[in-house]
């Protein structure tokens, strides 16, 4: 994606599954919000997956101007990553909660997660964002 790094935008854009249909889908969004809270909006921001999939021009322009993109999915279905791939968007980094050994409890388990799980996912995501920032700065 050419032209990344426009002034006024967060350096790293997050695309979270955040389906809310299951515990792990909810966890992706909760962790993304926590990372924005921790690192600040000038460093990392949450991108609108539905707007990009719907072809909203402003959203497409925004993500094309960000330095790095990170996708976080809640399960092995990899919905966010696969949907973005259909639009020709590849993340610079990817996190799937199955890799953290978090188990999807199934439909309608939206609130069946703990604060410890939010912290676990947010810590992993913050680490990935940190690596992306290091790469952008030429430190890796």
Protein backbone atom coordinates (compact mmCIF):
# COMPACT_ATOMS: atom_id res chain seq x y z
CA UNK A 1 0.00 0.00 0.00
CA UNK A 2 1.76 3.08 -1.18
CA UNK A 3 1.56 6.49 0.36
CA UNK A 4 1.31 5.40 3.96
CA UNK A 5 2.19 7.67 6.85
CA UNK A 6 -0.04 10.70 6.28
CA UNK A 7 0.12 13.35 9.00
CA UNK A 8 -2.72 13.34 11.52
CA UNK A 9 -3.44 9.63 11.21
CA UNK A 10 -2.46 6.94 13.70
CA UNK A 11 0.68 5.13 12.66
CA UNK A 12 -0.94 1.71 13.05
CA UNK A 13 -4.48 0.82 12.02
CA UNK A 14 -6.28 -2.09 13.67
CA UNK A 15 -8.94 -4.20 12.02
CA UNK A 16 -10.65 -6.28 14.69
CA UNK A 17 -13.19 -8.97 13.91
CA UNK A 18 -15.32 -7.66 16.80
CA UNK A 19 -18.32 -9.62 15.61
CA UNK A 20 -19.77 -9.75 19.11
CA UNK A 21 -21.38 -13.04 18.17
CA UNK A 22 -19.02 -15.05 20.37
CA UNK A 23 -16.67 -14.59 23.29
CA UNK A 24 -13.58 -14.44 21.09
CA UNK A 25 -15.19 -12.06 18.60
CA UNK A 26 -15.99 -9.73 21.50
CA UNK A 27 -12.47 -10.12 22.88
CA UNK A 28 -10.91 -8.84 19.64
CA UNK A 29 -12.79 -5.57 19.94
CA UNK A 30 -12.28 -5.18 23.67
CA UNK A 31 -8.54 -5.75 23.28
CA UNK A 32 -8.31 -3.30 20.37
CA UNK A 33 -10.04 -0.63 22.46
CA UNK A 34 -7.67 -1.32 25.36
CA UNK A 35 -4.62 -0.97 23.11
CA UNK A 36 -5.85 2.39 21.80
CA UNK A 37 -6.39 3.47 25.41
CA UNK A 38 -2.87 2.34 26.40
CA UNK A 39 -0.90 3.60 23.42
CA UNK A 40 -2.95 6.64 22.41
CA UNK A 41 -4.86 7.55 19.29
CA UNK A 42 -1.85 9.16 17.62
CA UNK A 43 -0.11 5.78 17.68
CA UNK A 44 -2.89 3.31 16.96
CA UNK A 45 -6.49 3.53 15.78
CA UNK A 46 -9.35 1.17 15.03
CA UNK A 47 -10.34 1.05 11.37
CA UNK A 48 -13.92 0.42 10.25
CA UNK A 49 -14.08 -3.04 8.72
CA UNK A 50 -17.69 -2.63 7.50
CA UNK A 51 -16.94 0.76 5.89
CA UNK A 52 -13.92 -0.60 4.03
CA UNK A 53 -15.83 -3.69 2.90
CA UNK A 54 -18.64 -1.42 1.72
CA UNK A 55 -16.18 0.64 -0.33
CA UNK A 56 -16.62 3.92 1.55
CA UNK A 57 -14.05 6.11 -0.24
CA UNK A 58 -12.89 8.08 2.80
CA UNK A 59 -12.20 4.93 4.81
CA UNK A 60 -10.34 3.31 1.92
CA UNK A 61 -8.18 6.43 1.55
CA UNK A 62 -7.46 6.49 5.28
CA UNK A 63 -6.22 2.91 5.44
CA UNK A 64 -4.11 3.45 2.33
CA UNK A 65 -2.34 6.27 4.15
CA UNK A 66 -1.53 4.41 7.37
CA UNK A 67 2.02 3.16 7.97
CA UNK A 68 1.00 -0.31 9.18
CA UNK A 69 -2.16 -2.42 9.38
CA UNK A 70 -2.81 -5.14 11.94
CA UNK A 71 -5.71 -7.60 11.76
CA UNK A 72 -7.03 -9.47 14.79
CA UNK A 73 -9.40 -12.42 14.44
CA UNK A 74 -11.18 -14.34 17.16
CA UNK A 75 -11.02 -17.84 15.73
CA UNK A 76 -9.65 -20.06 12.98
CA UNK A 77 -12.34 -18.86 10.55
CA UNK A 78 -10.16 -15.74 10.12
CA UNK A 79 -13.15 -13.68 8.96
CA UNK A 80 -11.57 -10.22 9.18
CA UNK A 81 -8.39 -11.30 7.41
CA UNK A 82 -10.27 -13.16 4.67
CA UNK A 83 -12.76 -10.35 4.07
CA UNK A 84 -9.97 -7.79 3.76
CA UNK A 85 -8.08 -10.09 1.38
CA UNK A 86 -11.10 -10.02 -0.93
CA UNK A 87 -10.61 -6.24 -1.10
CA UNK A 88 -6.91 -6.68 -1.84
CA UNK A 89 -5.82 -5.59 1.64
CA UNK A 90 -3.03 -7.54 3.34
CA UNK A 91 -2.06 -6.82 6.95
CA UNK A 92 1.47 -6.08 8.00
CA UNK A 93 0.83 -8.19 11.10
CA UNK A 94 -1.85 -10.65 12.18
CA UNK A 95 -3.12 -12.05 15.46
CA UNK A 96 -5.57 -14.91 15.78
CA UNK A 97 -6.86 -15.61 19.28
CA UNK A 98 -6.68 -19.34 18.61
CA UNK A 99 -2.88 -18.85 18.64
CA UNK A 100 -3.25 -17.63 22.22
CA UNK A 101 -5.12 -20.85 23.03
CA UNK A 102 -8.36 -18.98 23.64
CA UNK A 103 -11.35 -21.16 22.87
CA UNK A 104 -14.35 -19.90 20.98
CA UNK A 105 -17.42 -20.89 22.98
CA UNK A 106 -19.80 -20.54 20.06
CA UNK A 107 -22.72 -18.37 19.07
CA UNK A 108 -24.31 -16.12 21.67
CA UNK A 109 -21.36 -16.33 24.07
CA UNK A 110 -20.63 -12.63 23.54
CA UNK A 111 -20.08 -11.77 27.21
CA UNK A 112 -18.36 -14.98 28.27
CA UNK A 113 -14.85 -13.62 28.71
CA UNK A 114 -12.82 -12.36 31.64
CA UNK A 115 -10.78 -9.23 32.28
CA UNK A 116 -7.70 -11.47 32.42
CA UNK A 117 -8.47 -12.63 28.87
CA UNK A 118 -8.88 -9.02 27.71
CA UNK A 119 -5.50 -8.23 29.27
CA UNK A 120 -3.86 -11.28 27.66
CA UNK A 121 -5.12 -10.32 24.20
CA UNK A 122 -4.37 -6.61 24.67
CA UNK A 123 -0.82 -7.43 25.80
CA UNK A 124 -0.26 -9.60 22.71
CA UNK A 125 -1.75 -6.96 20.43
CA UNK A 126 0.27 -4.14 22.02
CA UNK A 127 3.43 -6.22 21.47
CA UNK A 128 2.55 -6.65 17.78
CA UNK A 129 1.89 -2.92 17.43
CA UNK A 130 5.26 -2.23 19.08
CA UNK A 131 7.00 -4.49 16.55
CA UNK A 132 5.22 -2.70 13.70
CA UNK A 133 6.38 0.66 15.05
CA UNK A 134 9.95 -0.63 15.34
CA UNK A 135 9.85 -1.82 11.75
CA UNK A 136 8.56 1.58 10.60
CA UNK A 137 11.41 3.27 12.47
CA UNK A 138 13.93 0.89 10.92
CA UNK A 139 14.82 -0.68 14.27
CA UNK A 140 14.13 -4.25 13.13
